Protein backbone atom coordinates (compact mmCIF):
# COMPACT_ATOMS: atom_id res chain seq x y z
CA UNK A 1 83.20 35.94 -82.13
CA UNK A 2 80.19 34.56 -84.14
CA UNK A 3 80.15 35.08 -87.93
CA UNK A 4 76.57 36.45 -86.97
CA UNK A 5 77.66 39.21 -84.08
CA UNK A 6 78.13 42.22 -86.19
CA UNK A 7 79.71 45.25 -83.86
CA UNK A 8 77.21 48.31 -82.93
CA UNK A 9 78.75 51.29 -84.32
CA UNK A 10 77.06 54.60 -83.57
CA UNK A 11 77.31 58.52 -83.59
CA UNK A 12 77.37 58.20 -79.94
CA UNK A 13 77.74 55.28 -77.95
CA UNK A 14 76.64 55.72 -74.29
CA UNK A 15 78.87 52.69 -72.18
CA UNK A 16 77.16 51.96 -68.95
CA UNK A 17 75.62 54.79 -67.76
CA UNK A 18 74.65 54.75 -64.13
CA UNK A 19 71.13 54.34 -62.79
CA UNK A 20 70.84 57.93 -61.58
CA UNK A 21 71.84 58.93 -65.17
CA UNK A 22 69.25 56.51 -66.71
CA UNK A 23 66.25 58.11 -65.25
CA UNK A 24 67.37 61.44 -66.00
CA UNK A 25 67.77 60.36 -69.81
CA UNK A 26 64.35 58.74 -69.34
CA UNK A 27 62.77 61.87 -67.73
CA UNK A 28 60.98 63.11 -70.50
CA UNK A 29 58.73 60.13 -70.73
CA UNK A 30 58.30 59.64 -66.78
CA UNK A 31 55.66 60.54 -64.29
CA UNK A 32 56.47 60.51 -61.12
CA UNK A 33 54.28 59.02 -58.32
CA UNK A 34 53.56 59.98 -54.98
CA UNK A 35 56.13 57.92 -53.70
CA UNK A 36 58.32 59.10 -55.64
CA UNK A 37 58.71 56.25 -58.05
CA UNK A 38 59.01 56.43 -61.80
CA UNK A 39 56.13 55.51 -64.12
CA UNK A 40 56.22 55.30 -68.02
CA UNK A 41 53.53 54.41 -70.60
CA UNK A 42 54.45 52.34 -73.56
CA UNK A 43 52.86 52.03 -77.13
CA UNK A 44 52.75 48.43 -76.91
CA UNK A 45 51.80 46.55 -73.94
CA UNK A 46 52.07 43.10 -74.60
CA UNK A 47 54.65 40.61 -75.72
CA UNK A 48 54.73 40.42 -79.51
CA UNK A 49 54.90 36.69 -79.62
CA UNK A 50 53.53 36.33 -83.32
CA UNK A 51 56.27 38.82 -84.29
CA UNK A 52 58.79 36.65 -82.47
CA UNK A 53 61.13 34.19 -84.81
CA UNK A 54 64.24 31.76 -84.31
CA UNK A 55 66.70 31.06 -86.68
CA UNK A 56 65.42 28.31 -89.21
CA UNK A 57 67.11 24.72 -88.36
CA UNK A 58 67.96 22.33 -85.75
CA UNK A 59 67.03 25.24 -83.36
CA UNK A 60 63.48 25.33 -84.41
CA UNK A 61 60.77 23.66 -82.18
CA UNK A 62 56.98 22.39 -83.25
CA UNK A 63 55.35 25.62 -82.02
CA UNK A 64 58.39 28.10 -82.78
CA UNK A 65 58.56 30.54 -85.82
CA UNK A 66 61.17 30.05 -88.29
CA UNK A 67 63.14 32.80 -89.66
CA UNK A 68 66.27 32.31 -92.56
CA UNK A 69 69.28 33.21 -91.98
CA UNK A 70 69.48 35.20 -95.24
CA UNK A 71 66.87 37.42 -93.59
CA UNK A 72 68.32 37.62 -90.61
CA UNK A 73 71.38 38.86 -92.08
CA UNK A 74 69.44 41.39 -94.28
CA UNK A 75 67.49 43.02 -91.27
CA UNK A 76 70.45 42.80 -89.23
CA UNK A 77 72.45 44.73 -91.56
CA UNK A 78 69.83 47.19 -92.06
CA UNK A 79 69.50 48.14 -88.43
CA UNK A 80 73.79 48.56 -88.08
CA UNK A 81 73.00 50.97 -91.02
CA UNK A 82 70.74 52.56 -88.90
CA UNK A 83 72.32 53.12 -85.52
CA UNK A 84 75.33 54.62 -87.06
CA UNK A 85 73.54 57.70 -87.10
CA UNK A 86 71.98 57.15 -83.53
CA UNK A 87 72.97 57.96 -79.91
CA UNK A 88 72.89 54.21 -78.24
CA UNK A 89 72.89 53.49 -74.77
CA UNK A 90 75.02 50.32 -74.00
CA UNK A 91 74.35 48.90 -70.88
CA UNK A 92 76.03 45.51 -69.31
CA UNK A 93 74.51 43.28 -66.67
CA UNK A 94 74.84 39.98 -64.99
CA UNK A 95 72.25 37.22 -65.20
CA UNK A 96 72.72 34.52 -62.40
CA UNK A 97 75.42 34.66 -59.42
CA UNK A 98 76.33 31.16 -58.97
CA UNK A 99 79.98 30.23 -60.50
CA UNK A 100 78.26 27.36 -62.50
CA UNK A 101 75.42 29.48 -63.74
CA UNK A 102 76.64 33.31 -64.60
CA UNK A 103 76.05 35.09 -68.15
CA UNK A 104 77.16 38.17 -68.97
CA UNK A 105 74.35 40.53 -70.75
CA UNK A 106 74.67 43.16 -73.42
CA UNK A 107 71.69 45.53 -74.20
CA UNK A 108 71.87 47.96 -77.01
CA UNK A 109 68.90 50.36 -77.32
CA UNK A 110 68.36 54.01 -79.04
CA UNK A 111 68.96 56.74 -76.27
CA UNK A 112 65.28 57.78 -76.75
CA UNK A 113 63.99 54.49 -74.93
CA UNK A 114 65.85 54.81 -72.22
CA UNK A 115 63.33 54.17 -69.75
CA UNK A 116 64.24 50.31 -71.16
CA UNK A 117 67.74 50.42 -69.52
CA UNK A 118 66.25 52.26 -66.87
CA UNK A 119 63.72 49.44 -66.20
CA UNK A 120 66.17 46.36 -67.31
CA UNK A 121 68.75 47.61 -64.85
CA UNK A 122 67.45 46.54 -61.53
CA UNK A 123 65.86 43.09 -63.03
CA UNK A 124 69.79 41.65 -63.03
CA UNK A 125 72.93 42.41 -61.41
CA UNK A 126 76.09 44.52 -61.57
CA UNK A 127 78.89 42.60 -63.35
CA UNK A 128 81.56 41.11 -60.90
CA UNK A 129 85.14 41.66 -61.67
CA UNK A 130 86.60 43.06 -65.00
CA UNK A 131 84.69 44.04 -68.02
CA UNK A 132 84.17 41.22 -70.18
CA UNK A 133 82.85 40.24 -73.87
CA UNK A 134 78.98 39.40 -73.18
CA UNK A 135 77.95 36.22 -73.48
CA UNK A 136 74.29 37.37 -74.80
CA UNK A 137 73.31 40.45 -76.83
CA UNK A 138 70.38 42.23 -77.37
CA UNK A 139 69.98 44.89 -79.95
CA UNK A 140 66.94 46.65 -79.53
CA UNK A 141 65.21 49.50 -81.94
CA UNK A 142 61.86 50.22 -81.03
CA UNK A 143 61.15 53.07 -83.10
CA UNK A 144 61.96 50.75 -85.97
CA UNK A 145 59.23 50.48 -88.44
CA UNK A 146 58.25 47.01 -88.71
CA UNK A 147 57.38 44.71 -85.24
CA UNK A 148 59.85 41.80 -85.83
CA UNK A 149 61.57 40.45 -83.16
CA UNK A 150 64.29 37.50 -84.34
CA UNK A 151 66.94 35.62 -82.43
CA UNK A 152 70.03 33.76 -83.57
CA UNK A 153 70.66 30.64 -80.58
CA UNK A 154 74.60 30.39 -81.59
CA UNK A 155 75.44 33.72 -81.69
CA UNK A 156 73.33 34.60 -78.49
CA UNK A 157 72.10 37.42 -80.20
CA UNK A 158 68.51 38.62 -80.22
CA UNK A 159 67.01 41.81 -82.28
CA UNK A 160 63.93 43.44 -80.83
CA UNK A 161 62.37 45.90 -83.47
CA UNK A 162 59.23 47.84 -83.54
CA UNK A 163 57.92 47.35 -80.35
CA UNK A 164 58.52 49.40 -77.18
CA UNK A 165 57.31 46.72 -74.24
CA UNK A 166 59.57 46.21 -72.00
CA UNK A 167 58.83 42.79 -71.38
CA UNK A 168 60.45 41.81 -74.77
CA UNK A 169 63.88 42.73 -73.02
CA UNK A 170 63.84 41.13 -70.24
CA UNK A 171 62.78 38.10 -72.04
CA UNK A 172 64.54 38.04 -74.87
CA UNK A 173 67.94 37.56 -72.44
CA UNK A 174 65.98 35.03 -70.16
CA UNK A 175 65.19 32.90 -73.75
CA UNK A 176 68.51 32.62 -74.74
CA UNK A 177 70.01 31.80 -70.95
CA UNK A 178 67.54 28.82 -71.67
CA UNK A 179 69.04 27.67 -74.83
CA UNK A 180 72.77 28.29 -73.35
CA UNK A 181 71.58 25.84 -70.39
CA UNK A 182 70.03 22.91 -72.62
CA UNK A 183 73.23 23.17 -74.67
CA UNK A 184 75.14 22.62 -70.71
CA UNK A 185 72.96 19.40 -70.75
CA UNK A 186 70.26 21.30 -67.93
CA UNK A 187 66.98 22.02 -68.40
CA UNK A 188 65.72 25.97 -67.92
CA UNK A 189 62.36 26.41 -66.36
CA UNK A 190 59.35 29.03 -66.75
CA UNK A 191 59.27 29.01 -62.73
CA UNK A 192 59.02 30.58 -59.61
CA UNK A 193 61.38 29.23 -56.71
CA UNK A 194 60.72 29.14 -52.81
CA UNK A 195 61.42 27.62 -49.51
CA UNK A 196 58.73 26.42 -47.12
CA UNK A 197 60.60 25.88 -43.54
CA UNK A 198 58.08 23.59 -41.92
CA UNK A 199 57.39 21.48 -39.53
CA UNK A 200 56.78 18.03 -41.22
CA UNK A 201 54.61 14.91 -40.36
CA UNK A 202 57.70 13.28 -38.83
CA UNK A 203 58.21 16.15 -36.35
CA UNK A 204 61.28 17.24 -37.86
CA UNK A 205 61.69 21.08 -38.95
CA UNK A 206 62.71 20.90 -42.46
CA UNK A 207 63.50 23.33 -45.64
CA UNK A 208 61.44 22.30 -48.61
CA UNK A 209 62.09 23.54 -51.62
CA UNK A 210 59.30 24.63 -54.49
CA UNK A 211 59.37 25.30 -57.77
CA UNK A 212 56.07 26.43 -59.43
CA UNK A 213 55.11 26.41 -63.23
CA UNK A 214 52.19 28.82 -64.53
CA UNK A 215 51.48 31.24 -67.40
CA UNK A 216 50.91 34.91 -66.41
CA UNK A 217 47.72 35.52 -64.97
CA UNK A 218 47.46 32.52 -63.41
CA UNK A 219 48.63 32.94 -60.09
CA UNK A 220 52.52 32.01 -59.82
CA UNK A 221 53.46 35.15 -58.36
CA UNK A 222 51.10 35.22 -55.49
CA UNK A 223 51.99 32.03 -54.29
CA UNK A 224 55.73 32.69 -55.18
CA UNK A 225 55.48 35.23 -52.79
CA UNK A 226 53.03 34.13 -50.47
CA UNK A 227 53.80 33.31 -46.44
CA UNK A 228 51.02 30.25 -46.37
CA UNK A 229 49.76 31.12 -43.46
CA UNK A 230 53.11 30.11 -41.44
CA UNK A 231 54.37 31.65 -38.20
CA UNK A 232 57.04 31.14 -35.54
CA UNK A 233 59.84 28.66 -36.24
CA UNK A 234 57.82 28.07 -39.51
CA UNK A 235 58.21 30.56 -42.46
CA UNK A 236 58.84 31.04 -45.90
CA UNK A 237 62.15 31.98 -48.15
CA UNK A 238 61.55 33.55 -51.57
CA UNK A 239 64.46 32.69 -54.04
CA UNK A 240 62.85 33.97 -57.80
CA UNK A 241 59.78 34.69 -59.45
CA UNK A 242 60.37 33.86 -63.61
CA UNK A 243 62.72 31.79 -64.09
CA UNK A 244 65.44 28.95 -63.18
CA UNK A 245 67.84 26.61 -64.62
CA UNK A 246 68.02 23.20 -62.95
CA UNK A 247 70.94 20.99 -63.46
CA UNK A 248 71.01 16.92 -63.17
CA UNK A 249 70.65 16.80 -58.99
CA UNK A 250 67.75 18.69 -59.17
CA UNK A 251 69.27 21.95 -57.85
CA UNK A 252 67.77 25.44 -59.38
CA UNK A 253 69.97 28.22 -60.08
CA UNK A 254 68.67 31.61 -60.20
CA UNK A 255 68.45 34.47 -62.62
CA UNK A 256 67.22 37.60 -61.83
CA UNK A 257 67.55 40.67 -59.02
CA UNK A 258 64.22 42.29 -59.30
CA UNK A 259 60.46 40.91 -59.96
CA UNK A 260 58.40 42.37 -62.70
CA UNK A 261 54.90 41.75 -61.44
CA UNK A 262 51.62 42.32 -62.97
CA UNK A 263 49.50 44.82 -61.25
CA UNK A 264 46.17 44.36 -62.14
CA UNK A 265 44.15 43.70 -58.54
CA UNK A 266 46.84 45.13 -56.25
CA UNK A 267 45.82 46.51 -53.40
CA UNK A 268 46.97 46.10 -49.26
CA UNK A 269 44.99 42.83 -49.06
CA UNK A 270 48.28 42.00 -50.73
CA UNK A 271 50.90 43.19 -48.78
CA UNK A 272 54.27 41.66 -49.92
CA UNK A 273 53.76 42.78 -53.39
CA UNK A 274 51.88 46.07 -52.59
CA UNK A 275 54.57 47.53 -49.94
CA UNK A 276 56.97 46.47 -53.01
CA UNK A 277 55.47 48.51 -55.70
CA UNK A 278 54.43 51.66 -53.33
CA UNK A 279 58.70 51.65 -52.80
CA UNK A 280 60.09 54.98 -54.48
CA UNK A 281 62.27 52.54 -56.24
CA UNK A 282 59.56 50.36 -57.64
CA UNK A 283 58.96 51.38 -61.63
CA UNK A 284 55.95 51.17 -63.08
CA UNK A 285 54.80 50.39 -66.38
CA UNK A 286 51.54 51.10 -68.15
CA UNK A 287 49.59 51.93 -64.88
CA UNK A 288 47.11 54.59 -64.31
CA UNK A 289 49.23 57.47 -62.37
CA UNK A 290 46.97 60.68 -61.69
CA UNK A 291 48.51 64.10 -62.46
CA UNK A 292 48.75 64.59 -58.73
CA UNK A 293 51.05 61.19 -58.67
CA UNK A 294 48.25 58.74 -57.11
CA UNK A 295 48.63 55.70 -58.24
CA UNK A 296 45.10 53.37 -59.19
CA UNK A 297 46.31 49.45 -59.75
CA UNK A 298 42.67 49.01 -59.94
CA UNK A 299 42.24 51.10 -63.12
CA UNK A 300 42.35 48.94 -66.12
CA UNK A 301 41.77 51.62 -68.65
CA UNK A 302 45.42 51.20 -70.38
CA UNK A 303 45.26 47.76 -70.12
CA UNK A 304 44.94 44.80 -68.59
CA UNK A 305 48.71 44.31 -68.24
CA UNK A 306 49.96 46.65 -66.02
CA UNK A 307 53.57 45.87 -64.75
CA UNK A 308 55.81 47.11 -61.77
CA UNK A 309 59.51 46.30 -61.77
CA UNK A 310 60.29 45.40 -57.95
CA UNK A 311 63.93 45.15 -56.32
CA UNK A 312 63.77 41.55 -55.32
CA UNK A 313 65.30 42.38 -51.76
CA UNK A 314 61.85 45.01 -50.96
CA UNK A 315 59.80 41.61 -51.29
CA UNK A 316 59.12 40.29 -47.58
CA UNK A 317 60.61 36.74 -47.06
CA UNK A 318 63.74 37.43 -49.57
CA UNK A 319 67.05 36.75 -48.37
CA UNK A 320 70.52 36.71 -49.86
CA UNK A 321 70.56 33.84 -52.21
CA UNK A 322 68.37 33.45 -55.44
CA UNK A 323 69.47 29.86 -55.57
CA UNK A 324 67.37 27.03 -54.42
CA UNK A 325 69.32 23.65 -53.05
CA UNK A 326 66.84 21.03 -54.03
CA UNK A 327 63.20 21.19 -56.25
CA UNK A 328 62.09 18.79 -53.65
CA UNK A 329 58.33 20.21 -54.87
CA UNK A 330 57.37 20.91 -58.42
CA UNK A 331 54.31 22.42 -58.71
CA UNK A 332 52.92 22.62 -62.55
CA UNK A 333 49.79 24.95 -61.70
CA UNK A 334 47.15 25.28 -64.28
CA UNK A 335 43.89 27.77 -64.11
CA UNK A 336 40.66 25.46 -65.70
CA UNK A 337 37.27 25.89 -64.39
CA UNK A 338 35.65 21.89 -64.88
CA UNK A 339 36.75 18.85 -64.15
CA UNK A 340 40.35 19.32 -62.92
CA UNK A 341 40.59 18.48 -59.13
CA UNK A 342 41.62 21.10 -57.12
CA UNK A 343 45.19 19.05 -56.52
CA UNK A 344 46.90 15.98 -57.67
CA UNK A 345 49.99 14.09 -57.29
CA UNK A 346 52.04 12.88 -60.34
CA UNK A 347 54.75 10.09 -60.80
CA UNK A 348 57.26 11.03 -62.94
CA UNK A 349 55.88 10.15 -66.22
CA UNK A 350 52.84 11.97 -65.19
CA UNK A 351 54.91 14.53 -64.58
CA UNK A 352 56.48 14.80 -67.90
CA UNK A 353 53.10 14.82 -69.23
CA UNK A 354 51.43 17.58 -67.88
CA UNK A 355 54.72 19.26 -68.27
CA UNK A 356 54.44 18.75 -72.03
CA UNK A 357 50.54 19.75 -71.52
CA UNK A 358 51.06 23.05 -69.88
CA UNK A 359 47.56 23.75 -69.42
CA UNK A 360 46.21 26.85 -69.05
CA UNK A 361 44.75 30.28 -70.12
CA UNK A 362 45.73 32.81 -72.10
CA UNK A 363 46.36 36.61 -70.72
CA UNK A 364 46.66 40.10 -71.77
CA UNK A 365 50.48 39.14 -71.05
CA UNK A 366 50.48 36.86 -74.29
CA UNK A 367 47.97 37.75 -76.46
CA UNK A 368 45.21 40.13 -75.50
CA UNK A 369 42.89 38.83 -78.21
CA UNK A 370 42.77 35.64 -76.71
CA UNK A 371 42.55 36.46 -72.94
CA UNK A 372 40.71 34.03 -70.84
CA UNK A 373 40.40 31.12 -73.39
CA UNK A 374 42.07 28.33 -72.43
CA UNK A 375 45.65 27.19 -74.29
CA UNK A 376 48.31 24.75 -73.82
CA UNK A 377 52.28 25.54 -74.05
CA UNK A 378 54.91 23.19 -73.02
CA UNK A 379 55.64 23.69 -69.70
CA UNK A 380 54.18 26.89 -69.57
CA UNK A 381 57.00 28.34 -71.26
CA UNK A 382 56.39 30.30 -74.41
CA UNK A 383 60.29 31.17 -74.46
CA UNK A 384 61.89 27.49 -75.15
CA UNK A 385 64.47 27.44 -78.23
CA UNK A 386 65.06 24.12 -79.92
CA UNK A 387 62.89 20.71 -80.03
CA UNK A 388 60.27 20.85 -77.69
CA UNK A 389 60.30 16.74 -77.25
CA UNK A 390 63.83 17.47 -75.26
CA UNK A 391 62.35 19.30 -72.69
CA UNK A 392 59.87 16.59 -71.57
CA UNK A 393 62.79 13.79 -72.17
CA UNK A 394 65.09 15.85 -69.78
CA UNK A 395 62.67 16.55 -67.05
CA UNK A 396 61.61 12.84 -66.92
CA UNK A 397 65.07 11.88 -66.61
CA UNK A 398 65.85 13.67 -63.78
CA UNK A 399 62.57 13.19 -61.92
CA UNK A 400 63.45 9.16 -62.39
CA UNK A 401 66.98 10.11 -61.14
CA UNK A 402 65.91 12.11 -58.05
CA UNK A 403 62.94 9.94 -56.62
CA UNK A 404 63.02 12.80 -53.83
CA UNK A 405 61.21 15.10 -55.92
CA UNK A 406 57.60 15.16 -56.03
CA UNK A 407 55.29 16.31 -58.13
CA UNK A 408 51.79 17.89 -58.29
CA UNK A 409 49.04 19.67 -60.80
CA UNK A 410 47.54 22.77 -58.68
CA UNK A 411 44.21 23.81 -60.44
CA UNK A 412 44.01 28.13 -59.45
CA UNK A 413 40.47 27.80 -61.43
CA UNK A 414 37.23 26.80 -60.23
CA UNK A 415 35.54 23.28 -60.18
CA UNK A 416 32.03 21.97 -61.90
CA UNK A 417 31.65 25.48 -63.81
CA UNK A 418 29.14 24.41 -66.32
CA UNK A 419 27.42 21.59 -64.20
CA UNK A 420 24.42 20.76 -62.30
CA UNK A 421 25.35 23.54 -59.62
CA UNK A 422 27.44 26.76 -59.98
CA UNK A 423 31.08 25.94 -60.00
CA UNK A 424 33.25 26.58 -57.29
CA UNK A 425 36.26 29.29 -57.40
CA UNK A 426 39.18 28.04 -56.15
CA UNK A 427 40.77 31.18 -53.54
CA UNK A 428 44.33 31.47 -53.34
CA UNK A 429 44.20 30.62 -49.66
CA UNK A 430 42.98 27.14 -50.38
CA UNK A 431 46.10 26.69 -53.05
CA UNK A 432 48.24 28.09 -50.41
CA UNK A 433 47.20 26.08 -47.49
CA UNK A 434 47.61 22.91 -50.19
CA UNK A 435 51.16 23.75 -50.61
CA UNK A 436 51.61 23.89 -46.53
CA UNK A 437 50.59 20.41 -46.64
CA UNK A 438 52.41 19.19 -49.39
CA UNK A 439 55.50 20.37 -47.62
CA UNK A 440 54.42 18.70 -44.48
CA UNK A 441 53.54 15.43 -45.71
CA UNK A 442 50.06 15.74 -44.30
CA UNK A 443 47.82 15.16 -47.25
CA UNK A 444 46.32 11.61 -47.73
CA UNK A 445 45.86 10.39 -51.47
CA UNK A 446 43.74 7.97 -53.72
CA UNK A 447 43.89 6.78 -56.66
CA UNK A 448 41.59 8.91 -59.66
CA UNK A 449 39.92 5.51 -62.07
CA UNK A 450 40.06 7.98 -64.80
CA UNK A 451 43.34 9.53 -64.76
CA UNK A 452 45.50 7.32 -63.07
CA UNK A 453 46.76 9.99 -60.78
CA UNK A 454 46.16 10.48 -57.20
CA UNK A 455 44.00 13.05 -55.48
CA UNK A 456 43.23 14.15 -52.16
CA UNK A 457 41.49 12.08 -49.91
CA UNK A 458 41.92 14.30 -47.27
CA UNK A 459 43.61 17.63 -46.63
CA UNK A 460 43.51 18.92 -43.29
CA UNK A 461 41.04 21.74 -42.27
CA UNK A 462 39.58 21.54 -45.94
CA UNK A 463 36.28 20.54 -47.00
CA UNK A 464 37.04 18.43 -49.99
CA UNK A 465 33.27 17.46 -50.82
CA UNK A 466 33.18 20.89 -52.26
CA UNK A 467 36.33 20.91 -54.87
CA UNK A 468 35.36 17.24 -56.03
CA UNK A 469 34.36 17.87 -59.65
CA UNK A 470 32.63 14.18 -60.05
CA UNK A 471 29.93 16.18 -57.99
CA UNK A 472 29.33 18.40 -60.39
CA UNK A 473 28.27 16.57 -63.02
CA UNK A 474 26.17 13.49 -64.35
CA UNK A 475 27.92 10.20 -64.88
CA UNK A 476 27.55 10.66 -68.31
CA UNK A 477 28.69 14.15 -68.57
CA UNK A 478 31.43 13.86 -66.80
CA UNK A 479 32.60 10.88 -68.68
CA UNK A 480 31.99 12.90 -71.78
CA UNK A 481 34.35 15.77 -70.24
CA UNK A 482 36.88 13.15 -69.31
CA UNK A 483 36.82 11.54 -72.92
CA UNK A 484 36.65 15.23 -74.30
CA UNK A 485 39.90 16.22 -72.55
CA UNK A 486 41.73 13.18 -73.50
CA UNK A 487 41.41 13.05 -76.95
CA UNK A 488 42.81 17.02 -76.76
CA UNK A 489 45.73 16.14 -74.94
CA UNK A 490 46.40 12.98 -77.14
CA UNK A 491 46.60 15.49 -80.29
CA UNK A 492 48.60 17.78 -78.11
CA UNK A 493 51.04 15.63 -77.39
CA UNK A 494 51.01 13.93 -81.04
CA UNK A 495 52.79 17.03 -82.21
CA UNK A 496 55.95 16.47 -80.42
CA UNK A 497 57.89 13.29 -82.70
CA UNK A 498 60.53 12.15 -80.71
CA UNK A 499 58.56 12.33 -77.61
CA UNK A 500 59.31 9.33 -74.99
CA UNK A 501 56.35 6.96 -75.32
CA UNK A 502 55.92 6.02 -71.66
CA UNK A 503 55.35 9.96 -71.32
CA UNK A 504 52.27 9.99 -74.12
CA UNK A 505 50.99 6.64 -72.27
CA UNK A 506 50.64 8.36 -68.94
CA UNK A 507 47.30 10.20 -69.90
CA UNK A 508 46.09 7.45 -71.94
């Protein structure tokens, strides 16, 4: 046992209560919907990124907040002393199902907040076999007077204090799992995964594996669960929504048994997610529910970050597997609004560069005070532990060793905003259609003279003229925007000492 790990001693330790028992413990906070599902309202309604710290030393990357071991020890001692007089729930769940990636996860949390383990129960799997010592531990005290989350990577322990937002516990285990997998020489991604079974340009029916990167609010979940208009022998198979762990051959191990989806704007036009969200087994968080149980997904009075835990098996087009045999297509989703093309094809070096850039927008799930503003996040993954340059270098290594893996930048925002004419919003149907043609191999490409990546010359069924950013600006203004964006990108990548030079050169 790592010396930092302290046993939890409580006035009463409630070991592995059932799902039904957890709901009963959480009943004092529940408002039951007209569907029979549970809904809850938290005091904190988004992740506390600015209050999250990683132990100083070799674990600390450029974009991570550091905390000393002395302070970690001091806080941990105070927490354990406090828990001695409390009733504490202890819940064990399993992350992953493959023999090569399977982690035992243990949550300790004060009983008053039973709604949090109640929600977490369905996110992971029932542990297999006899009780085992946990690989990862999170100790959660929502009522703590100070808001602080701190991680000891080598011990596999996270303390979550002073926030009652469910997303913190979900991500605490995924964050630590990313670090575990990195130590095994793999790379973990904040990405959804799916299969498109399509008849390709060569006439064969093939299963094409996709992983989709994207920060919350960029359309990652919407595209992960989209059917792409496939019918008959062609279809989609949904695997994961949030995180996968890739090995050196492009195999992607799944992590979770549930989806934690944003509900803003959810209606019956989004049938797959809507049907899962109105199941009796769904659990709502910070969604407006009237006294008669009616659910108002379109009401953002509580927050624009309303959420719902849904069972993966209740999402249409899933099967019994959570792993992806190979990521044949890697999609970096960005949401920009002026000169980023609707889609671009990337070589290995460019893919590693755009992975490191992680360009998108801030959302209410991260920092609600900056929602809608442009941002960059390596790998669109705010949960990385350790030196960020490793992530880009490792991805480049895998791509070079697997030339059958193709990479694309997909813009789900707009084209030409601020130009000579009104910008063109990119509907999800267009993005979904592009992915279908990427799977089939039916897009024709040409080289972009400014960025060196390939842009579409022809996509079946799509008028590319209105999605060409060059058509929205004068030549001079377009050039200014290109050079401004290039400077921003160069400055961003310069932060990551140790990043391979060919990755940086890919954006010049």
